[in-house]
Amino acid sequence: MTEFSLAQFQNYLADKYQDSVSSSGLFMKLVEEIGEVAEALNEIEGRKAVSAETSLAYELADVLHYAVAIAAVNDIDLTQTILEKDQKASEKYQHRVNLSQFLEE
């Protein structure tokens, strides 16, 4: 299986969506995909009839795709932002370890 980093994924999506889509267009797709995650969870948890076409894994991948694409087209370094945000949350909620520390272990 091919592995990739978040930075590589962002670069790929920046290239893919270069000059072809707006952030608000990507956001609309993100919201649509979040709805599809909700449908998949409803199926898994028995609140809705199971459909052969629904895959929680694929819907979550779509959510990540569009969230990362929004960051990519807006030149946001998600790797750095995630590390910074996690550091602040770890301090605020007094977590034993933050993401940077976890990665160093």
N, C-alpha and C. Protein backbone atom coordinates (compact mmCIF):
# COMPACT_ATOMS: atom_id res chain seq x y z
N MET A 1 0.84 -1.18 0.00
CA MET A 1 0.00 0.00 0.00
C MET A 1 0.89 1.25 0.00
N THR A 2 0.52 2.22 -0.77
CA THR A 2 1.27 3.46 -0.86
C THR A 2 0.95 4.34 0.34
N GLU A 3 1.98 4.87 0.97
CA GLU A 3 1.80 5.80 2.08
C GLU A 3 2.12 7.19 1.59
N PHE A 4 1.50 8.18 2.23
CA PHE A 4 1.77 9.57 1.87
C PHE A 4 1.59 10.44 3.10
N SER A 5 2.18 11.61 3.06
CA SER A 5 2.07 12.54 4.17
C SER A 5 0.93 13.52 3.91
N LEU A 6 0.53 14.20 4.94
CA LEU A 6 -0.49 15.22 4.81
C LEU A 6 -0.02 16.32 3.86
N ALA A 7 1.25 16.69 3.95
CA ALA A 7 1.81 17.72 3.06
C ALA A 7 1.74 17.28 1.59
N GLN A 8 2.04 16.02 1.33
CA GLN A 8 1.96 15.51 -0.05
C GLN A 8 0.51 15.55 -0.54
N PHE A 9 -0.43 15.18 0.32
CA PHE A 9 -1.84 15.20 -0.03
C PHE A 9 -2.27 16.63 -0.34
N GLN A 10 -1.84 17.58 0.49
CA GLN A 10 -2.16 18.99 0.23
C GLN A 10 -1.59 19.46 -1.10
N ASN A 11 -0.35 19.11 -1.39
CA ASN A 11 0.26 19.51 -2.65
C ASN A 11 -0.49 18.92 -3.85
N TYR A 12 -0.89 17.67 -3.73
CA TYR A 12 -1.66 17.01 -4.79
C TYR A 12 -2.99 17.75 -5.01
N LEU A 13 -3.69 18.06 -3.93
CA LEU A 13 -4.98 18.72 -4.06
C LEU A 13 -4.84 20.16 -4.54
N ALA A 14 -3.78 20.84 -4.12
CA ALA A 14 -3.53 22.20 -4.61
C ALA A 14 -3.35 22.18 -6.12
N ASP A 15 -2.62 21.18 -6.60
CA ASP A 15 -2.42 21.04 -8.04
C ASP A 15 -3.73 20.66 -8.74
N LYS A 16 -4.46 19.74 -8.14
CA LYS A 16 -5.71 19.27 -8.73
C LYS A 16 -6.73 20.40 -8.88
N TYR A 17 -6.84 21.23 -7.87
CA TYR A 17 -7.87 22.27 -7.86
C TYR A 17 -7.36 23.65 -8.25
N GLN A 18 -6.12 23.71 -8.71
CA GLN A 18 -5.51 24.99 -9.09
C GLN A 18 -6.41 25.73 -10.08
N ASP A 19 -6.88 26.90 -9.68
CA ASP A 19 -7.68 27.78 -10.54
C ASP A 19 -8.98 27.17 -11.05
N SER A 20 -9.43 26.06 -10.47
CA SER A 20 -10.63 25.45 -11.03
C SER A 20 -11.83 25.43 -10.09
N VAL A 21 -11.63 25.83 -8.84
CA VAL A 21 -12.73 25.73 -7.89
C VAL A 21 -12.53 26.76 -6.77
N SER A 22 -13.62 27.18 -6.19
CA SER A 22 -13.53 28.15 -5.10
C SER A 22 -13.57 27.44 -3.75
N SER A 23 -13.12 28.14 -2.74
CA SER A 23 -13.18 27.59 -1.38
C SER A 23 -14.63 27.30 -0.99
N SER A 24 -15.53 28.19 -1.37
CA SER A 24 -16.93 27.96 -1.00
C SER A 24 -17.51 26.75 -1.75
N GLY A 25 -17.07 26.52 -2.97
CA GLY A 25 -17.49 25.33 -3.71
C GLY A 25 -17.00 24.06 -3.03
N LEU A 26 -15.75 24.08 -2.59
CA LEU A 26 -15.20 22.94 -1.86
C LEU A 26 -15.91 22.75 -0.53
N PHE A 27 -16.26 23.85 0.12
CA PHE A 27 -16.98 23.75 1.39
C PHE A 27 -18.35 23.11 1.19
N MET A 28 -19.03 23.46 0.12
CA MET A 28 -20.34 22.85 -0.15
C MET A 28 -20.20 21.34 -0.33
N LYS A 29 -19.14 20.92 -1.01
CA LYS A 29 -18.89 19.48 -1.17
C LYS A 29 -18.57 18.84 0.19
N LEU A 30 -17.82 19.54 1.03
CA LEU A 30 -17.50 19.04 2.36
C LEU A 30 -18.77 18.81 3.17
N VAL A 31 -19.68 19.77 3.15
CA VAL A 31 -20.94 19.65 3.88
C VAL A 31 -21.74 18.47 3.35
N GLU A 32 -21.77 18.31 2.04
CA GLU A 32 -22.47 17.17 1.42
C GLU A 32 -21.89 15.85 1.92
N GLU A 33 -20.58 15.77 1.96
CA GLU A 33 -19.92 14.54 2.39
C GLU A 33 -20.15 14.28 3.88
N ILE A 34 -20.21 15.33 4.68
CA ILE A 34 -20.51 15.14 6.11
C ILE A 34 -21.90 14.55 6.27
N GLY A 35 -22.84 14.99 5.44
CA GLY A 35 -24.18 14.39 5.45
C GLY A 35 -24.13 12.92 5.10
N GLU A 36 -23.27 12.55 4.17
CA GLU A 36 -23.14 11.15 3.79
C GLU A 36 -22.50 10.32 4.90
N VAL A 37 -21.61 10.93 5.69
CA VAL A 37 -21.07 10.24 6.87
C VAL A 37 -22.20 9.99 7.86
N ALA A 38 -23.06 10.98 8.04
CA ALA A 38 -24.20 10.82 8.95
C ALA A 38 -25.10 9.67 8.48
N GLU A 39 -25.34 9.58 7.18
CA GLU A 39 -26.16 8.49 6.65
C GLU A 39 -25.49 7.14 6.92
N ALA A 40 -24.20 7.06 6.70
CA ALA A 40 -23.48 5.80 6.94
C ALA A 40 -23.56 5.41 8.41
N LEU A 41 -23.38 6.38 9.30
CA LEU A 41 -23.47 6.08 10.73
C LEU A 41 -24.89 5.65 11.11
N ASN A 42 -25.89 6.27 10.52
CA ASN A 42 -27.28 5.86 10.78
C ASN A 42 -27.51 4.42 10.35
N GLU A 43 -26.91 4.03 9.25
CA GLU A 43 -27.04 2.65 8.78
C GLU A 43 -26.32 1.69 9.74
N ILE A 44 -25.11 2.05 10.12
CA ILE A 44 -24.32 1.20 11.01
C ILE A 44 -25.02 1.03 12.36
N GLU A 45 -25.63 2.10 12.85
CA GLU A 45 -26.25 2.06 14.17
C GLU A 45 -27.72 1.67 14.14
N GLY A 46 -28.20 1.23 12.95
CA GLY A 46 -29.54 0.66 12.84
C GLY A 46 -30.69 1.64 12.77
N ARG A 47 -30.41 2.90 12.55
CA ARG A 47 -31.48 3.89 12.44
C ARG A 47 -31.98 4.05 11.02
N LYS A 48 -31.32 3.38 10.09
CA LYS A 48 -31.67 3.49 8.68
C LYS A 48 -31.36 2.17 7.99
N ALA A 49 -32.13 1.85 6.97
CA ALA A 49 -31.89 0.61 6.23
C ALA A 49 -30.51 0.66 5.58
N VAL A 50 -29.84 -0.47 5.58
CA VAL A 50 -28.48 -0.56 5.04
C VAL A 50 -28.52 -0.53 3.52
N SER A 51 -27.64 0.28 2.95
CA SER A 51 -27.50 0.40 1.50
C SER A 51 -26.15 -0.16 1.10
N ALA A 52 -26.12 -0.92 0.04
CA ALA A 52 -24.85 -1.50 -0.43
C ALA A 52 -23.89 -0.43 -0.93
N GLU A 53 -24.42 0.75 -1.22
CA GLU A 53 -23.61 1.82 -1.80
C GLU A 53 -22.90 2.67 -0.75
N THR A 54 -23.28 2.55 0.51
CA THR A 54 -22.73 3.40 1.56
C THR A 54 -21.52 2.74 2.21
N SER A 55 -20.44 3.50 2.32
CA SER A 55 -19.22 3.04 2.98
C SER A 55 -18.72 4.15 3.89
N LEU A 56 -18.74 3.89 5.19
CA LEU A 56 -18.24 4.89 6.14
C LEU A 56 -16.80 5.26 5.81
N ALA A 57 -15.98 4.29 5.49
CA ALA A 57 -14.57 4.57 5.17
C ALA A 57 -14.45 5.53 3.99
N TYR A 58 -15.20 5.28 2.92
CA TYR A 58 -15.13 6.14 1.74
C TYR A 58 -15.68 7.53 2.02
N GLU A 59 -16.75 7.59 2.81
CA GLU A 59 -17.33 8.90 3.12
C GLU A 59 -16.37 9.71 3.99
N LEU A 60 -15.71 9.07 4.95
CA LEU A 60 -14.71 9.78 5.76
C LEU A 60 -13.53 10.24 4.89
N ALA A 61 -13.13 9.40 3.94
CA ALA A 61 -12.06 9.81 3.03
C ALA A 61 -12.47 11.04 2.23
N ASP A 62 -13.74 11.08 1.81
CA ASP A 62 -14.24 12.25 1.08
C ASP A 62 -14.23 13.50 1.95
N VAL A 63 -14.60 13.36 3.23
CA VAL A 63 -14.58 14.50 4.15
C VAL A 63 -13.15 15.03 4.28
N LEU A 64 -12.20 14.13 4.47
CA LEU A 64 -10.80 14.56 4.56
C LEU A 64 -10.34 15.21 3.27
N HIS A 65 -10.73 14.63 2.14
CA HIS A 65 -10.35 15.18 0.83
C HIS A 65 -10.75 16.65 0.74
N TYR A 66 -12.01 16.94 1.01
CA TYR A 66 -12.47 18.32 0.84
C TYR A 66 -11.96 19.25 1.93
N ALA A 67 -11.79 18.79 3.15
CA ALA A 67 -11.23 19.63 4.21
C ALA A 67 -9.78 20.00 3.87
N VAL A 68 -9.01 19.02 3.42
CA VAL A 68 -7.62 19.28 3.06
C VAL A 68 -7.54 20.14 1.80
N ALA A 69 -8.47 19.94 0.87
CA ALA A 69 -8.48 20.75 -0.35
C ALA A 69 -8.73 22.23 -0.02
N ILE A 70 -9.63 22.50 0.92
CA ILE A 70 -9.88 23.89 1.31
C ILE A 70 -8.60 24.51 1.86
N ALA A 71 -7.90 23.78 2.70
CA ALA A 71 -6.63 24.27 3.23
C ALA A 71 -5.62 24.48 2.10
N ALA A 72 -5.56 23.54 1.19
CA ALA A 72 -4.59 23.60 0.10
C ALA A 72 -4.78 24.82 -0.79
N VAL A 73 -6.01 25.10 -1.18
CA VAL A 73 -6.24 26.23 -2.08
C VAL A 73 -6.12 27.57 -1.36
N ASN A 74 -6.07 27.53 -0.02
CA ASN A 74 -5.89 28.75 0.76
C ASN A 74 -4.50 28.86 1.37
N ASP A 75 -3.58 28.02 0.88
CA ASP A 75 -2.18 28.05 1.31
C ASP A 75 -2.02 27.93 2.83
N ILE A 76 -2.80 27.04 3.43
CA ILE A 76 -2.70 26.77 4.86
C ILE A 76 -1.87 25.51 5.04
N ASP A 77 -0.83 25.60 5.85
CA ASP A 77 0.00 24.44 6.15
C ASP A 77 -0.70 23.65 7.26
N LEU A 78 -1.46 22.64 6.86
CA LEU A 78 -2.24 21.89 7.83
C LEU A 78 -1.37 21.13 8.83
N THR A 79 -0.24 20.63 8.39
CA THR A 79 0.64 19.90 9.30
C THR A 79 1.03 20.79 10.47
N GLN A 80 1.52 21.97 10.17
CA GLN A 80 1.94 22.91 11.21
C GLN A 80 0.75 23.36 12.03
N THR A 81 -0.37 23.63 11.39
CA THR A 81 -1.56 24.10 12.09
C THR A 81 -2.09 23.04 13.04
N ILE A 82 -2.10 21.79 12.61
CA ILE A 82 -2.56 20.70 13.47
C ILE A 82 -1.65 20.56 14.69
N LEU A 83 -0.35 20.64 14.48
CA LEU A 83 0.59 20.54 15.61
C LEU A 83 0.38 21.68 16.60
N GLU A 84 0.22 22.90 16.09
CA GLU A 84 0.02 24.06 16.95
C GLU A 84 -1.30 23.96 17.71
N LYS A 85 -2.36 23.61 17.00
CA LYS A 85 -3.69 23.49 17.61
C LYS A 85 -3.71 22.40 18.67
N ASP A 86 -3.07 21.27 18.38
CA ASP A 86 -3.01 20.18 19.35
C ASP A 86 -2.23 20.59 20.58
N GLN A 87 -1.15 21.32 20.40
CA GLN A 87 -0.35 21.80 21.53
C GLN A 87 -1.22 22.66 22.46
N LYS A 88 -1.97 23.58 21.87
CA LYS A 88 -2.84 24.44 22.68
C LYS A 88 -3.92 23.63 23.39
N ALA A 89 -4.52 22.69 22.68
CA ALA A 89 -5.58 21.85 23.29
C ALA A 89 -5.00 20.99 24.40
N SER A 90 -3.80 20.46 24.19
CA SER A 90 -3.16 19.63 25.21
C SER A 90 -2.90 20.41 26.49
N GLU A 91 -2.49 21.65 26.32
CA GLU A 91 -2.26 22.50 27.49
C GLU A 91 -3.59 22.84 28.17
N LYS A 92 -4.57 23.22 27.38
CA LYS A 92 -5.87 23.62 27.91
C LYS A 92 -6.55 22.48 28.68
N TYR A 93 -6.49 21.27 28.11
CA TYR A 93 -7.18 20.14 28.72
C TYR A 93 -6.25 19.23 29.52
N GLN A 94 -5.01 19.68 29.70
CA GLN A 94 -4.02 18.98 30.52
C GLN A 94 -3.85 17.52 30.11
N HIS A 95 -3.66 17.31 28.81
CA HIS A 95 -3.40 15.96 28.32
C HIS A 95 -2.00 15.53 28.72
N ARG A 96 -1.83 14.26 28.89
CA ARG A 96 -0.54 13.69 29.29
C ARG A 96 0.53 13.94 28.23
N VAL A 97 0.13 13.84 26.97
CA VAL A 97 1.08 13.99 25.86
C VAL A 97 0.39 14.72 24.72
N ASN A 98 1.15 15.55 24.01
CA ASN A 98 0.57 16.20 22.83
C ASN A 98 1.06 15.47 21.58
N LEU A 99 0.57 15.86 20.44
CA LEU A 99 0.89 15.16 19.19
C LEU A 99 2.39 15.18 18.90
N SER A 100 3.02 16.31 19.08
CA SER A 100 4.47 16.39 18.83
C SER A 100 5.23 15.40 19.71
N GLN A 101 4.87 15.32 20.97
CA GLN A 101 5.52 14.40 21.89
C GLN A 101 5.22 12.95 21.48
N PHE A 102 4.00 12.68 21.10
CA PHE A 102 3.60 11.34 20.67
C PHE A 102 4.43 10.90 19.47
N LEU A 103 4.64 11.80 18.52
CA LEU A 103 5.41 11.48 17.32
C LEU A 103 6.88 11.24 17.63
N GLU A 104 7.39 11.86 18.67
CA GLU A 104 8.79 11.67 19.06
C GLU A 104 9.02 10.37 19.79
N GLU A 105 7.97 9.79 20.38
CA GLU A 105 8.11 8.54 21.15
C GLU A 105 8.36 7.36 20.26
